[in-house]
């Protein structure tokens, strides 16, 4: 498993947080997601054999938000 923290721009309310959470969870291979509205970040645990970071970032973008940093 791999873990990454994504800094996400544009989340302003609980609906935004839920939308980002749902978008990331929809990616095959994602095992855990924790989205923090105040910190504007998501912690994601995923299986690198099933998905990659670019796919997760694309899912966030398709939901209408932008990943501005990753760690």
C-alpha atoms as a PDB file:
ATOM      1  CA  UNK A   1       0.000   0.000   0.000  1.00  0.00           C
ATOM      2  CA  UNK A   2       1.029   3.583  -0.608  1.00  0.00           C
ATOM      3  CA  UNK A   3      -0.083   6.676   1.274  1.00  0.00           C
ATOM      4  CA  UNK A   4      -0.210  10.269   0.083  1.00  0.00           C
ATOM      5  CA  UNK A   5      -1.480  13.588   1.423  1.00  0.00           C
ATOM      6  CA  UNK A   6      -3.024  15.876  -1.161  1.00  0.00           C
ATOM      7  CA  UNK A   7      -3.509  19.624  -0.646  1.00  0.00           C
ATOM      8  CA  UNK A   8      -6.799  20.465  -2.384  1.00  0.00           C
ATOM      9  CA  UNK A   9      -7.881  23.909  -3.504  1.00  0.00           C
ATOM     10  CA  UNK A  10     -11.509  24.994  -3.613  1.00  0.00           C
ATOM     11  CA  UNK A  11     -13.161  23.092  -0.767  1.00  0.00           C
ATOM     12  CA  UNK A  12     -15.331  25.545   1.159  1.00  0.00           C
ATOM     13  CA  UNK A  13     -18.095  23.530   2.837  1.00  0.00           C
ATOM     14  CA  UNK A  14     -19.145  20.070   3.989  1.00  0.00           C
ATOM     15  CA  UNK A  15     -20.680  19.370   0.573  1.00  0.00           C
ATOM     16  CA  UNK A  16     -17.304  20.081  -1.043  1.00  0.00           C
ATOM     17  CA  UNK A  17     -15.581  17.743   1.407  1.00  0.00           C
ATOM     18  CA  UNK A  18     -18.099  14.987   0.721  1.00  0.00           C
ATOM     19  CA  UNK A  19     -17.757  15.452  -3.047  1.00  0.00           C
ATOM     20  CA  UNK A  20     -13.967  15.094  -2.903  1.00  0.00           C
ATOM     21  CA  UNK A  21     -14.265  12.083  -0.585  1.00  0.00           C
ATOM     22  CA  UNK A  22     -16.702  10.358  -2.951  1.00  0.00           C
ATOM     23  CA  UNK A  23     -14.564  11.125  -6.017  1.00  0.00           C
ATOM     24  CA  UNK A  24     -11.432   9.637  -4.458  1.00  0.00           C
ATOM     25  CA  UNK A  25     -13.287   6.590  -3.104  1.00  0.00           C
ATOM     26  CA  UNK A  26     -14.609   5.886  -6.609  1.00  0.00           C
ATOM     27  CA  UNK A  27     -11.076   5.153  -7.846  1.00  0.00           C
ATOM     28  CA  UNK A  28     -10.433   1.408  -7.996  1.00  0.00           C
ATOM     29  CA  UNK A  29      -7.577   0.514  -5.663  1.00  0.00           C
ATOM     30  CA  UNK A  30      -8.203   3.243  -3.089  1.00  0.00           C
ATOM     31  CA  UNK A  31      -8.352   1.626   0.350  1.00  0.00           C
ATOM     32  CA  UNK A  32      -8.790   4.566   2.749  1.00  0.00           C
ATOM     33  CA  UNK A  33      -9.697   8.237   2.408  1.00  0.00           C
ATOM     34  CA  UNK A  34      -9.770  10.974   5.016  1.00  0.00           C
ATOM     35  CA  UNK A  35     -10.662  14.472   3.790  1.00  0.00           C
ATOM     36  CA  UNK A  36     -10.092  17.397   6.168  1.00  0.00           C
ATOM     37  CA  UNK A  37     -12.059  20.508   5.231  1.00  0.00           C
ATOM     38  CA  UNK A  38     -10.193  22.901   7.546  1.00  0.00           C
ATOM     39  CA  UNK A  39      -6.761  21.765   6.388  1.00  0.00           C
ATOM     40  CA  UNK A  40      -7.979  21.489   2.764  1.00  0.00           C
ATOM     41  CA  UNK A  41      -6.284  18.153   2.357  1.00  0.00           C
ATOM     42  CA  UNK A  42      -6.971  14.491   1.807  1.00  0.00           C
ATOM     43  CA  UNK A  43      -5.020  11.511   3.090  1.00  0.00           C
ATOM     44  CA  UNK A  44      -5.305   8.593   0.714  1.00  0.00           C
ATOM     45  CA  UNK A  45      -4.136   5.005   1.099  1.00  0.00           C
ATOM     46  CA  UNK A  46      -4.133   3.104  -2.185  1.00  0.00           C
ATOM     47  CA  UNK A  47      -2.831  -0.010  -3.879  1.00  0.00           C
ATOM     48  CA  UNK A  48      -0.191   1.060  -6.430  1.00  0.00           C
ATOM     49  CA  UNK A  49      -0.821  -2.198  -8.289  1.00  0.00           C
ATOM     50  CA  UNK A  50      -4.408  -1.111  -9.012  1.00  0.00           C
ATOM     51  CA  UNK A  51      -4.142   2.655  -9.437  1.00  0.00           C
ATOM     52  CA  UNK A  52      -1.679   5.516  -9.417  1.00  0.00           C
ATOM     53  CA  UNK A  53      -1.456   9.038  -8.099  1.00  0.00           C
ATOM     54  CA  UNK A  54      -2.316  10.617 -11.460  1.00  0.00           C
ATOM     55  CA  UNK A  55      -5.620   8.727 -11.551  1.00  0.00           C
ATOM     56  CA  UNK A  56      -6.507   9.923  -8.050  1.00  0.00           C
ATOM     57  CA  UNK A  57      -5.603  13.517  -8.919  1.00  0.00           C
ATOM     58  CA  UNK A  58      -7.697  13.265 -12.097  1.00  0.00           C
ATOM     59  CA  UNK A  59     -10.702  12.075 -10.064  1.00  0.00           C
ATOM     60  CA  UNK A  60     -10.373  15.155  -7.829  1.00  0.00           C
ATOM     61  CA  UNK A  61     -10.162  17.398 -10.912  1.00  0.00           C
ATOM     62  CA  UNK A  62     -13.223  15.768 -12.494  1.00  0.00           C
ATOM     63  CA  UNK A  63     -15.114  16.554  -9.276  1.00  0.00           C
ATOM     64  CA  UNK A  64     -14.263  20.234  -9.770  1.00  0.00           C
ATOM     65  CA  UNK A  65     -11.329  20.698  -7.402  1.00  0.00           C
ATOM     66  CA  UNK A  66      -7.598  21.122  -7.873  1.00  0.00           C
ATOM     67  CA  UNK A  67      -4.722  19.289  -6.195  1.00  0.00           C
ATOM     68  CA  UNK A  68      -2.099  21.957  -5.561  1.00  0.00           C
ATOM     69  CA  UNK A  69       0.468  19.926  -3.613  1.00  0.00           C
ATOM     70  CA  UNK A  70       1.236  16.372  -2.549  1.00  0.00           C
ATOM     71  CA  UNK A  71       3.361  14.788   0.131  1.00  0.00           C
END
